[in-house]
Amino acid sequence: MLKIRIKKWLDSYSADDIKLPRITAGNACFDFYAPQKMIIYPGETGVFVGTGIAFEIPEGYHMKLFMRSSYGAHRKLRLSNCVGVVDSSYRGEVKGLFDNIGEMPEIIEKGERFLQGMIERNIDVSFEEVSTLTETQRGDGGFGSTGK
């Protein structure tokens, strides 16, 4: 089991307002709780919503941030960057970056689970420039080309 060091981000919140991430057995991601109430108004984009938590992710790993699936199904909030990536060198507060694509204000209540994270291992890659690539049946067919 990979142990991750975390700390409460007391620069912006009181310790009582911050809940540690929730890990549910069998789930790929863990949930973050909002340490304060946030209102995101219609048309607002790039609104930072803090988690109150900072991580010490081991070298060779990274964290991906996703919006909770219930938000996509029931709310008009979207992550501005689709998937957030937190590198192992970052030591600040983990925050989600949200857009309100609806016509009404969206409220993230204090203590509400609003974001989820997943820690993954980096894989080493290298690039080799070539003049041709291996042929496939799909070739250079783009979006929707496999359904034709």
Protein backbone atom coordinates (compact mmCIF):
# COMPACT_ATOMS: atom_id res chain seq x y z
CA MET A 1 0.00 0.00 0.00
CA LEU A 2 1.30 3.45 -0.95
CA LYS A 3 1.27 5.86 2.02
CA ILE A 4 0.74 9.52 1.14
CA ARG A 5 1.59 12.32 3.54
CA ILE A 6 -1.10 15.02 3.71
CA LYS A 7 -1.60 18.13 5.79
CA LYS A 8 -4.45 20.49 6.45
CA TRP A 9 -4.03 23.81 4.65
CA LEU A 10 -4.42 26.11 7.65
CA ASP A 11 -3.35 29.23 5.73
CA SER A 12 -6.94 29.66 4.51
CA TYR A 13 -9.19 27.61 6.81
CA SER A 14 -9.56 26.51 10.42
CA ALA A 15 -8.63 22.91 11.23
CA ASP A 16 -12.26 22.13 12.13
CA ASP A 17 -13.44 23.15 8.64
CA ILE A 18 -11.16 20.68 6.85
CA LYS A 19 -12.10 17.03 6.43
CA LEU A 20 -9.54 14.51 5.27
CA PRO A 21 -10.26 12.79 1.93
CA ARG A 22 -12.73 9.91 2.08
CA ILE A 23 -11.48 6.56 0.83
CA THR A 24 -14.13 3.94 0.07
CA ALA A 25 -12.93 0.34 -0.28
CA GLY A 26 -13.02 -0.83 -3.88
CA ASN A 27 -13.27 2.65 -5.40
CA ALA A 28 -10.58 3.97 -7.75
CA CYS A 29 -10.85 7.54 -6.44
CA PHE A 30 -11.12 9.25 -3.07
CA ASP A 31 -13.45 12.16 -2.33
CA PHE A 32 -12.58 15.69 -1.26
CA TYR A 33 -14.83 17.79 0.98
CA ALA A 34 -15.38 21.53 0.58
CA PRO A 35 -13.95 23.39 3.61
CA GLN A 36 -16.20 26.39 2.94
CA LYS A 37 -19.35 27.28 1.05
CA MET A 38 -18.73 28.41 -2.53
CA ILE A 39 -21.18 30.01 -4.94
CA ILE A 40 -20.33 29.85 -8.62
CA TYR A 41 -22.54 32.15 -10.68
CA PRO A 42 -23.84 31.49 -14.21
CA GLY A 43 -21.16 32.11 -16.80
CA GLU A 44 -18.32 32.14 -14.29
CA THR A 45 -15.30 30.18 -15.45
CA GLY A 46 -12.05 29.19 -13.81
CA VAL A 47 -13.33 29.47 -10.22
CA PHE A 48 -10.91 27.88 -7.76
CA VAL A 49 -12.55 25.70 -5.11
CA GLY A 50 -10.15 24.58 -2.40
CA THR A 51 -10.01 21.24 -0.63
CA GLY A 52 -8.11 22.41 2.44
CA ILE A 53 -5.56 19.64 1.88
CA ALA A 54 -1.96 19.64 0.65
CA PHE A 55 -0.19 16.43 -0.41
CA GLU A 56 3.31 15.08 -0.48
CA ILE A 57 2.99 12.80 -3.48
CA PRO A 58 6.02 10.54 -3.82
CA GLU A 59 8.36 11.11 -6.73
CA GLY A 60 7.30 8.93 -9.65
CA TYR A 61 3.57 9.47 -8.96
CA HIS A 62 0.97 12.12 -9.73
CA MET A 63 -2.63 12.83 -8.74
CA LYS A 64 -5.50 13.29 -11.17
CA LEU A 65 -8.53 15.35 -10.14
CA PHE A 66 -11.99 14.61 -11.48
CA MET A 67 -15.40 16.09 -10.85
CA ARG A 68 -17.64 13.69 -8.96
CA SER A 69 -19.91 11.85 -11.39
CA SER A 70 -23.05 13.02 -9.56
CA TYR A 71 -22.10 16.60 -10.43
CA GLY A 72 -22.08 15.81 -14.13
CA ALA A 73 -25.44 14.10 -13.85
CA HIS A 74 -27.26 16.63 -11.66
CA ARG A 75 -25.47 19.97 -11.84
CA LYS A 76 -24.26 22.50 -14.36
CA LEU A 77 -20.71 22.56 -13.04
CA ARG A 78 -17.74 21.36 -15.08
CA LEU A 79 -14.03 21.25 -14.38
CA SER A 80 -12.42 24.00 -16.44
CA ASN A 81 -9.42 21.83 -17.28
CA CYS A 82 -11.45 18.56 -17.63
CA VAL A 83 -8.90 16.63 -15.54
CA GLY A 84 -6.58 18.34 -13.10
CA VAL A 85 -3.06 16.99 -12.66
CA VAL A 86 -1.06 17.47 -9.46
CA ASP A 87 2.64 16.69 -9.84
CA SER A 88 4.77 15.22 -7.06
CA SER A 89 6.73 18.48 -6.71
CA TYR A 90 3.62 20.55 -5.77
CA ARG A 91 3.12 21.24 -2.06
CA GLY A 92 0.25 23.75 -2.09
CA GLU A 93 -3.45 23.31 -1.47
CA VAL A 94 -5.20 21.05 -3.96
CA LYS A 95 -7.97 22.98 -5.71
CA GLY A 96 -10.55 22.24 -8.38
CA LEU A 97 -11.11 24.74 -11.17
CA PHE A 98 -14.83 24.99 -12.00
CA ASP A 99 -17.09 26.55 -14.65
CA ASN A 100 -20.83 27.13 -14.27
CA ILE A 101 -22.40 26.36 -17.65
CA GLY A 102 -25.96 26.73 -16.38
CA GLU A 103 -28.38 29.61 -15.91
CA MET A 104 -28.58 29.45 -12.11
CA PRO A 105 -25.96 29.84 -9.38
CA GLU A 106 -24.37 26.56 -8.31
CA ILE A 107 -23.62 26.18 -4.62
CA ILE A 108 -21.00 23.86 -3.19
CA GLU A 109 -21.89 23.60 0.48
CA LYS A 110 -19.30 23.45 3.23
CA GLY A 111 -18.63 19.78 3.99
CA GLU A 112 -19.99 18.57 0.64
CA ARG A 113 -18.03 16.02 -1.38
CA PHE A 114 -17.34 17.87 -4.63
CA LEU A 115 -14.13 16.55 -6.19
CA GLN A 116 -12.33 13.23 -6.42
CA GLY A 117 -8.70 12.31 -6.77
CA MET A 118 -6.70 9.34 -7.99
CA ILE A 119 -3.00 8.76 -7.44
CA GLU A 120 -1.19 6.96 -10.25
CA ARG A 121 2.33 5.92 -11.04
CA ASN A 122 4.15 7.79 -13.80
CA ILE A 123 5.55 5.68 -16.60
CA ASP A 124 8.82 6.48 -18.28
CA VAL A 125 8.49 7.36 -21.95
CA SER A 126 10.84 8.44 -24.67
CA PHE A 127 10.13 9.70 -28.16
CA GLU A 128 11.64 8.51 -31.40
CA GLU A 129 11.02 10.63 -34.49
CA VAL A 130 10.22 8.52 -37.58
CA SER A 131 9.09 9.29 -41.12
CA THR A 132 6.24 6.71 -41.18
CA LEU A 133 3.98 4.99 -38.67
CA THR A 134 2.60 1.44 -38.70
CA GLU A 135 -0.55 1.12 -40.84
CA THR A 136 -3.87 0.26 -39.12
CA GLN A 137 -7.40 -0.29 -40.42
CA ARG A 138 -8.47 3.04 -38.92
CA GLY A 139 -5.48 4.96 -40.23
CA ASP A 140 -5.82 8.69 -39.68
CA GLY A 141 -9.63 8.58 -39.29
CA GLY A 142 -10.59 11.00 -36.53
CA PHE A 143 -13.59 11.61 -34.34
CA GLY A 144 -16.42 9.15 -35.01
CA SER A 145 -14.53 7.32 -37.75
CA THR A 146 -14.77 3.87 -36.10
CA GLY A 147 -18.57 3.88 -36.14
CA LYS A 148 -18.89 4.12 -39.94
